[in-house]
PDB file of N, CA and C in Angstrom:
ATOM      1  N   ALA A   1       0.920  -1.441  -0.174  1.00  0.00           N
ATOM      2  CA  ALA A   1       0.198   0.304  -0.268  1.00  0.00           C
ATOM      3  C   ALA A   1       0.834   1.381  -0.062  1.00  0.00           C
ATOM      4  N   ILE A   2       1.804   1.562   0.827  1.00  0.00           N
ATOM      5  CA  ILE A   2       2.950   2.398   0.768  1.00  0.00           C
ATOM      6  C   ILE A   2       3.615   2.497  -0.590  1.00  0.00           C
ATOM      7  N   ALA A   3       4.135   1.451  -1.306  1.00  0.00           N
ATOM      8  CA  ALA A   3       4.350   1.969  -2.787  1.00  0.00           C
ATOM      9  C   ALA A   3       3.442   2.538  -3.735  1.00  0.00           C
ATOM     10  N   ASN A   4       2.179   2.276  -3.514  1.00  0.00           N
ATOM     11  CA  ASN A   4       1.231   2.497  -4.506  1.00  0.00           C
ATOM     12  C   ASN A   4       1.004   3.984  -3.935  1.00  0.00           C
ATOM     13  N   ASP A   5       0.989   4.420  -3.060  1.00  0.00           N
ATOM     14  CA  ASP A   5       0.706   5.696  -2.682  1.00  0.00           C
ATOM     15  C   ASP A   5       1.485   6.620  -3.364  1.00  0.00           C
ATOM     16  N   SER A   6       2.690   6.298  -4.074  1.00  0.00           N
ATOM     17  CA  SER A   6       3.525   7.258  -4.509  1.00  0.00           C
ATOM     18  C   SER A   6       2.906   7.722  -5.793  1.00  0.00           C
ATOM     19  N   ASP A   7       3.348   9.193  -6.142  1.00  0.00           N
ATOM     20  CA  ASP A   7       2.943   9.551  -7.474  1.00  0.00           C
ATOM     21  C   ASP A   7       3.759   8.978  -8.601  1.00  0.00           C
ATOM     22  N   TYR A   8       4.653   8.071  -8.148  1.00  0.00           N
ATOM     23  CA  TYR A   8       5.784   7.683  -9.412  1.00  0.00           C
ATOM     24  C   TYR A   8       5.626   6.215  -9.163  1.00  0.00           C
ATOM     25  N   GLY A   9       5.807   5.533 -10.365  1.00  0.00           N
ATOM     26  CA  GLY A   9       6.007   4.162 -10.352  1.00  0.00           C
ATOM     27  C   GLY A   9       6.877   3.634 -11.425  1.00  0.00           C
ATOM     28  N   LEU A  10       8.373   3.941 -11.316  1.00  0.00           N
ATOM     29  CA  LEU A  10       9.157   3.566 -12.319  1.00  0.00           C
ATOM     30  C   LEU A  10       9.518   2.174 -11.963  1.00  0.00           C
ATOM     31  N   TYR A  11       9.963   1.805 -10.923  1.00  0.00           N
ATOM     32  CA  TYR A  11      10.545   0.391 -10.295  1.00  0.00           C
ATOM     33  C   TYR A  11      10.505   0.209  -8.780  1.00  0.00           C
ATOM     34  N   ASP A  12       9.887  -0.823  -8.679  1.00  0.00           N
ATOM     35  CA  ASP A  12       9.968  -1.460  -7.268  1.00  0.00           C
ATOM     36  C   ASP A  12      10.651  -2.550  -7.343  1.00  0.00           C
ATOM     37  N   TYR A  13      11.012  -3.056  -6.066  1.00  0.00           N
ATOM     38  CA  TYR A  13      11.933  -4.113  -5.560  1.00  0.00           C
ATOM     39  C   TYR A  13      11.239  -5.081  -4.497  1.00  0.00           C
ATOM     40  N   VAL A  14      11.219  -6.304  -4.564  1.00  0.00           N
ATOM     41  CA  VAL A  14      10.664  -7.010  -3.479  1.00  0.00           C
ATOM     42  C   VAL A  14      11.984  -8.453  -3.363  1.00  0.00           C
ATOM     43  N   TYR A  15      12.152  -8.053  -1.902  1.00  0.00           N
ATOM     44  CA  TYR A  15      13.002  -9.023  -1.547  1.00  0.00           C
ATOM     45  C   TYR A  15      12.515  -9.784  -0.516  1.00  0.00           C
ATOM     46  N   THR A  16      12.586 -11.304  -0.710  1.00  0.00           N
ATOM     47  CA  THR A  16      12.193 -12.364  -0.008  1.00  0.00           C
ATOM     48  C   THR A  16      12.185 -13.604  -0.519  1.00  0.00           C
ATOM     49  N   ALA A  17      12.520 -14.828   0.403  1.00  0.00           N
ATOM     50  CA  ALA A  17      12.646 -16.083   0.027  1.00  0.00           C
ATOM     51  C   ALA A  17      11.483 -16.931  -0.349  1.00  0.00           C
ATOM     52  N   ASP A  18      10.335 -16.284  -0.222  1.00  0.00           N
ATOM     53  CA  ASP A  18       9.205 -16.608  -0.588  1.00  0.00           C
ATOM     54  C   ASP A  18       8.946 -16.353  -2.070  1.00  0.00           C
ATOM     55  N   THR A  19       9.027 -17.322  -3.006  1.00  0.00           N
ATOM     56  CA  THR A  19       8.725 -16.831  -4.547  1.00  0.00           C
ATOM     57  C   THR A  19       7.352 -16.839  -4.658  1.00  0.00           C
ATOM     58  N   ALA A  20       6.515 -17.197  -4.440  1.00  0.00           N
ATOM     59  CA  ALA A  20       4.960 -17.102  -4.435  1.00  0.00           C
ATOM     60  C   ALA A  20       4.574 -15.815  -4.029  1.00  0.00           C
ATOM     61  N   ARG A  21       4.958 -15.623  -2.513  1.00  0.00           N
ATOM     62  CA  ARG A  21       4.636 -14.096  -2.033  1.00  0.00           C
ATOM     63  C   ARG A  21       5.165 -13.298  -2.788  1.00  0.00           C
ATOM     64  N   ALA A  22       6.404 -13.360  -3.500  1.00  0.00           N
ATOM     65  CA  ALA A  22       7.163 -12.121  -4.199  1.00  0.00           C
ATOM     66  C   ALA A  22       6.146 -11.884  -5.577  1.00  0.00           C
ATOM     67  N   PHE A  23       5.943 -12.931  -6.236  1.00  0.00           N
ATOM     68  CA  PHE A  23       5.042 -12.534  -7.203  1.00  0.00           C
ATOM     69  C   PHE A  23       3.652 -11.972  -7.217  1.00  0.00           C
ATOM     70  N   ARG A  24       2.902 -12.551  -6.137  1.00  0.00           N
ATOM     71  CA  ARG A  24       1.696 -11.980  -5.432  1.00  0.00           C
ATOM     72  C   ARG A  24       1.686 -10.276  -4.982  1.00  0.00           C
ATOM     73  N   VAL A  25       3.080  -9.992  -4.285  1.00  0.00           N
ATOM     74  CA  VAL A  25       3.147  -8.671  -4.265  1.00  0.00           C
ATOM     75  C   VAL A  25       3.411  -7.918  -5.588  1.00  0.00           C
ATOM     76  N   ALA A  26       4.357  -8.533  -6.413  1.00  0.00           N
ATOM     77  CA  ALA A  26       4.525  -7.749  -7.504  1.00  0.00           C
ATOM     78  C   ALA A  26       3.093  -7.500  -8.622  1.00  0.00           C
ATOM     79  N   LYS A  27       2.573  -8.374  -8.377  1.00  0.00           N
ATOM     80  CA  LYS A  27       1.031  -8.280  -9.424  1.00  0.00           C
ATOM     81  C   LYS A  27       0.307  -6.976  -8.795  1.00  0.00           C
ATOM     82  N   GLN A  28       0.366  -6.468  -7.479  1.00  0.00           N
ATOM     83  CA  GLN A  28      -0.093  -5.633  -6.819  1.00  0.00           C
ATOM     84  C   GLN A  28       0.568  -4.334  -6.833  1.00  0.00           C
ATOM     85  N   LEU A  29       1.694  -4.139  -7.099  1.00  0.00           N
ATOM     86  CA  LEU A  29       2.561  -3.018  -7.477  1.00  0.00           C
ATOM     87  C   LEU A  29       1.961  -2.150  -8.777  1.00  0.00           C
ATOM     88  N   ARG A  30       1.645  -1.047  -8.445  1.00  0.00           N
ATOM     89  CA  ARG A  30       1.713  -0.317  -9.774  1.00  0.00           C
ATOM     90  C   ARG A  30       2.738   0.238 -10.161  1.00  0.00           C
ATOM     91  N   CYS A  31       3.716  -0.225 -10.697  1.00  0.00           N
ATOM     92  CA  CYS A  31       4.868   0.209 -11.488  1.00  0.00           C
ATOM     93  C   CYS A  31       5.460  -0.374 -12.982  1.00  0.00           C
ATOM     94  N   GLY A  32       6.285   0.246 -13.833  1.00  0.00           N
ATOM     95  CA  GLY A  32       6.486  -0.378 -14.890  1.00  0.00           C
ATOM     96  C   GLY A  32       7.521  -1.379 -14.730  1.00  0.00           C
ATOM     97  N   HIS A  33       8.364  -1.651 -13.510  1.00  0.00           N
ATOM     98  CA  HIS A  33       9.099  -2.915 -13.434  1.00  0.00           C
ATOM     99  C   HIS A  33       8.998  -3.323 -11.896  1.00  0.00           C
ATOM    100  N   VAL A  34       9.351  -4.533 -11.720  1.00  0.00           N
ATOM    101  CA  VAL A  34       9.518  -5.124 -10.550  1.00  0.00           C
ATOM    102  C   VAL A  34      10.752  -6.176 -10.406  1.00  0.00           C
ATOM    103  N   GLY A  35      11.777  -6.098  -9.667  1.00  0.00           N
ATOM    104  CA  GLY A  35      12.838  -6.335  -9.260  1.00  0.00           C
ATOM    105  C   GLY A  35      12.507  -7.708  -8.324  1.00  0.00           C
ATOM    106  N   ILE A  36      12.658  -8.858  -8.623  1.00  0.00           N
ATOM    107  CA  ILE A  36      12.278  -9.710  -7.525  1.00  0.00           C
ATOM    108  C   ILE A  36      13.618 -10.263  -7.016  1.00  0.00           C
ATOM    109  N   ASN A  37      14.174  -9.990  -5.591  1.00  0.00           N
ATOM    110  CA  ASN A  37      15.753 -10.060  -5.332  1.00  0.00           C
ATOM    111  C   ASN A  37      16.454  -9.802  -6.167  1.00  0.00           C
ATOM    112  N   THR A  38      16.608  -8.961  -6.912  1.00  0.00           N
ATOM    113  CA  THR A  38      17.743  -8.389  -7.625  1.00  0.00           C
ATOM    114  C   THR A  38      17.139  -6.605  -8.219  1.00  0.00           C
ATOM    115  N   ALA A  39      18.126  -5.738  -8.672  1.00  0.00           N
ATOM    116  CA  ALA A  39      18.143  -4.613  -9.046  1.00  0.00           C
ATOM    117  C   ALA A  39      18.439  -4.558 -10.410  1.00  0.00           C
ATOM    118  N   GLN A  40      18.646  -5.606 -10.924  1.00  0.00           N
ATOM    119  CA  GLN A  40      18.900  -5.565 -12.654  1.00  0.00           C
ATOM    120  C   GLN A  40      17.684  -5.708 -13.284  1.00  0.00           C
ATOM    121  N   ARG A  41      18.016  -5.145 -14.595  1.00  0.00           N
ATOM    122  CA  ARG A  41      16.857  -4.984 -15.715  1.00  0.00           C
ATOM    123  C   ARG A  41      16.878  -5.843 -16.924  1.00  0.00           C
ATOM    124  N   ASN A  42      15.858  -6.572 -17.358  1.00  0.00           N
ATOM    125  CA  ASN A  42      16.057  -6.944 -18.611  1.00  0.00           C
ATOM    126  C   ASN A  42      15.897  -5.820 -19.724  1.00  0.00           C
ATOM    127  N   MET A  43      17.328  -5.865 -20.498  1.00  0.00           N
ATOM    128  CA  MET A  43      17.563  -4.582 -21.443  1.00  0.00           C
ATOM    129  C   MET A  43      16.645  -4.750 -22.450  1.00  0.00           C
ATOM    130  N   GLU A  44      16.134  -5.968 -22.626  1.00  0.00           N
ATOM    131  CA  GLU A  44      15.396  -6.289 -24.058  1.00  0.00           C
ATOM    132  C   GLU A  44      13.885  -5.984 -23.827  1.00  0.00           C
ATOM    133  N   ALA A  45      13.505  -5.536 -22.504  1.00  0.00           N
ATOM    134  CA  ALA A  45      12.002  -5.240 -22.441  1.00  0.00           C
ATOM    135  C   ALA A  45      12.017  -3.598 -22.342  1.00  0.00           C
ATOM    136  N   PRO A  46      10.602  -3.339 -22.671  1.00  0.00           N
ATOM    137  CA  PRO A  46      10.518  -1.802 -22.799  1.00  0.00           C
ATOM    138  C   PRO A  46      10.746  -1.315 -21.276  1.00  0.00           C
ATOM    139  N   PHE A  47      11.276  -0.059 -21.161  1.00  0.00           N
ATOM    140  CA  PHE A  47      11.755   0.471 -19.617  1.00  0.00           C
ATOM    141  C   PHE A  47      10.901   1.886 -19.720  1.00  0.00           C
ATOM    142  N   GLY A  48      10.135   1.699 -18.833  1.00  0.00           N
ATOM    143  CA  GLY A  48       9.099   3.031 -18.545  1.00  0.00           C
ATOM    144  C   GLY A  48       8.297   2.811 -17.359  1.00  0.00           C
ATOM    145  N   GLY A  49       7.598   3.797 -16.778  1.00  0.00           N
ATOM    146  CA  GLY A  49       7.017   3.787 -15.478  1.00  0.00           C
ATOM    147  C   GLY A  49       5.358   3.967 -15.767  1.00  0.00           C
ATOM    148  N   PHE A  50       4.563   3.764 -14.707  1.00  0.00           N
ATOM    149  CA  PHE A  50       3.484   4.232 -14.358  1.00  0.00           C
ATOM    150  C   PHE A  50       3.112   5.659 -14.091  1.00  0.00           C
ATOM    151  N   LYS A  51       2.217   6.266 -13.661  1.00  0.00           N
ATOM    152  CA  LYS A  51       1.627   7.431 -13.035  1.00  0.00           C
ATOM    153  C   LYS A  51       2.477   8.614 -13.587  1.00  0.00           C
ATOM    154  N   MET A  52       3.442   9.351 -12.758  1.00  0.00           N
ATOM    155  CA  MET A  52       4.156  10.428 -13.368  1.00  0.00           C
ATOM    156  C   MET A  52       5.710  10.187 -13.508  1.00  0.00           C
ATOM    157  N   SER A  53       5.898   8.807 -13.814  1.00  0.00           N
ATOM    158  CA  SER A  53       7.352   8.391 -14.151  1.00  0.00           C
ATOM    159  C   SER A  53       7.622   8.410 -15.407  1.00  0.00           C
ATOM    160  N   GLY A  54       8.499   9.379 -16.049  1.00  0.00           N
ATOM    161  CA  GLY A  54       8.909   9.326 -17.549  1.00  0.00           C
ATOM    162  C   GLY A  54       7.692   9.811 -18.034  1.00  0.00           C
ATOM    163  N   VAL A  55       8.144   9.840 -19.501  1.00  0.00           N
ATOM    164  CA  VAL A  55       7.123  10.407 -20.622  1.00  0.00           C
ATOM    165  C   VAL A  55       7.117   9.067 -21.751  1.00  0.00           C
ATOM    166  N   GLY A  56       6.851   7.780 -21.177  1.00  0.00           N
ATOM    167  CA  GLY A  56       6.539   6.741 -22.247  1.00  0.00           C
ATOM    168  C   GLY A  56       7.043   5.379 -21.962  1.00  0.00           C
ATOM    169  N   ARG A  57       7.633   4.426 -22.694  1.00  0.00           N
ATOM    170  CA  ARG A  57       8.361   3.445 -23.035  1.00  0.00           C
ATOM    171  C   ARG A  57       9.419   3.637 -24.091  1.00  0.00           C
ATOM    172  N   ASP A  58      10.683   3.076 -23.503  1.00  0.00           N
ATOM    173  CA  ASP A  58      11.927   3.282 -24.456  1.00  0.00           C
ATOM    174  C   ASP A  58      12.547   1.928 -24.022  1.00  0.00           C
ATOM    175  N   GLY A  59      13.356   1.519 -25.079  1.00  0.00           N
ATOM    176  CA  GLY A  59      14.141   0.295 -25.199  1.00  0.00           C
ATOM    177  C   GLY A  59      13.122  -1.019 -25.579  1.00  0.00           C
ATOM    178  N   GLY A  60      14.081  -1.929 -25.928  1.00  0.00           N
ATOM    179  CA  GLY A  60      13.172  -3.094 -26.707  1.00  0.00           C
ATOM    180  C   GLY A  60      12.708  -2.857 -27.819  1.00  0.00           C
ATOM    181  N   ASP A  61      12.208  -3.711 -28.529  1.00  0.00           N
ATOM    182  CA  ASP A  61      11.456  -3.838 -29.780  1.00  0.00           C
ATOM    183  C   ASP A  61      10.050  -2.990 -29.489  1.00  0.00           C
ATOM    184  N   PHE A  62       9.442  -3.193 -28.290  1.00  0.00           N
ATOM    185  CA  PHE A  62       8.401  -2.304 -28.357  1.00  0.00           C
ATOM    186  C   PHE A  62       8.651  -0.769 -27.961  1.00  0.00           C
ATOM    187  N   GLY A  63       9.623  -0.614 -27.222  1.00  0.00           N
ATOM    188  CA  GLY A  63       9.778   1.069 -27.181  1.00  0.00           C
ATOM    189  C   GLY A  63      10.434   1.349 -28.592  1.00  0.00           C
ATOM    190  N   LEU A  64      10.709   1.104 -29.649  1.00  0.00           N
ATOM    191  CA  LEU A  64      10.885   1.711 -31.144  1.00  0.00           C
ATOM    192  C   LEU A  64       9.583   2.002 -31.851  1.00  0.00           C
ATOM    193  N   HIS A  65       8.198   1.485 -31.057  1.00  0.00           N
ATOM    194  CA  HIS A  65       7.098   1.911 -31.835  1.00  0.00           C
ATOM    195  C   HIS A  65       6.859   3.396 -31.466  1.00  0.00           C
ATOM    196  N   ALA A  66       6.978   4.153 -30.498  1.00  0.00           N
ATOM    197  CA  ALA A  66       6.820   5.493 -29.978  1.00  0.00           C
ATOM    198  C   ALA A  66       7.677   6.380 -31.081  1.00  0.00           C
ATOM    199  N   TYR A  67       8.594   5.746 -32.049  1.00  0.00           N
ATOM    200  CA  TYR A  67       9.463   6.719 -32.711  1.00  0.00           C
ATOM    201  C   TYR A  67       9.261   6.322 -34.136  1.00  0.00           C
ATOM    202  N   THR A  68       8.045   5.601 -34.484  1.00  0.00           N
ATOM    203  CA  THR A  68       8.150   5.130 -35.769  1.00  0.00           C
ATOM    204  C   THR A  68       6.236   5.411 -36.204  1.00  0.00           C
ATOM    205  N   GLU A  69       6.213   5.435 -37.458  1.00  0.00           N
ATOM    206  CA  GLU A  69       4.694   5.751 -38.120  1.00  0.00           C
ATOM    207  C   GLU A  69       4.745   4.319 -39.051  1.00  0.00           C
ATOM    208  N   LEU A  70       3.574   3.796 -39.085  1.00  0.00           N
ATOM    209  CA  LEU A  70       2.901   2.853 -39.890  1.00  0.00           C
ATOM    210  C   LEU A  70       2.338   3.207 -41.015  1.00  0.00           C
ATOM    211  N   GLN A  71       3.206   2.713 -42.216  1.00  0.00           N
ATOM    212  CA  GLN A  71       2.278   3.006 -43.487  1.00  0.00           C
ATOM    213  C   GLN A  71       2.064   1.897 -44.331  1.00  0.00           C
ATOM    214  N   SER A  72       1.068   1.642 -44.889  1.00  0.00           N
ATOM    215  CA  SER A  72       0.546   0.638 -45.774  1.00  0.00           C
ATOM    216  C   SER A  72       0.941   1.092 -47.463  1.00  0.00           C
ATOM    217  N   ILE A  73       1.358   0.006 -47.986  1.00  0.00           N
ATOM    218  CA  ILE A  73       1.487   0.448 -49.208  1.00  0.00           C
ATOM    219  C   ILE A  73       1.059  -0.973 -49.992  1.00  0.00           C
ATOM    220  N   ILE A  74       0.105  -0.730 -51.113  1.00  0.00           N
ATOM    221  CA  ILE A  74      -0.736  -1.831 -51.656  1.00  0.00           C
ATOM    222  C   ILE A  74      -0.724  -1.627 -53.229  1.00  0.00           C
ATOM    223  N   TRP A  75      -0.072  -3.046 -53.523  1.00  0.00           N
ATOM    224  CA  TRP A  75       0.426  -3.237 -54.854  1.00  0.00           C
ATOM    225  C   TRP A  75      -0.432  -4.192 -55.730  1.00  0.00           C
ATOM    226  N   PRO A  76      -1.247  -3.561 -56.879  1.00  0.00           N
ATOM    227  CA  PRO A  76      -2.491  -4.479 -57.270  1.00  0.00           C
ATOM    228  C   PRO A  76      -1.754  -6.023 -57.767  1.00  0.00           C
ATOM    229  N   GLY A  77      -2.113  -6.863 -57.289  1.00  0.00           N
ATOM    230  CA  GLY A  77      -2.014  -8.280 -58.465  1.00  0.00           C
ATOM    231  C   GLY A  77      -1.656  -8.952 -59.488  1.00  0.00           C
TER     232      GLY A  77
END
């Protein structure tokens, strides 16, 4: 509850020996990333937060979509 009361939600950490509890807690956190027993992050995953953290997502294939425009080209067969 304390973690979710923040105006920011970029990264939270859960440290415990109880794996099931760690995942239960992680699912309740309103943040872009949750580290369970680590401060590392997946460099292939998009990086960004919830609420007032950041201005979108960056990193990974998903992060590239913010910088692209989709165009369809139709060629008659």
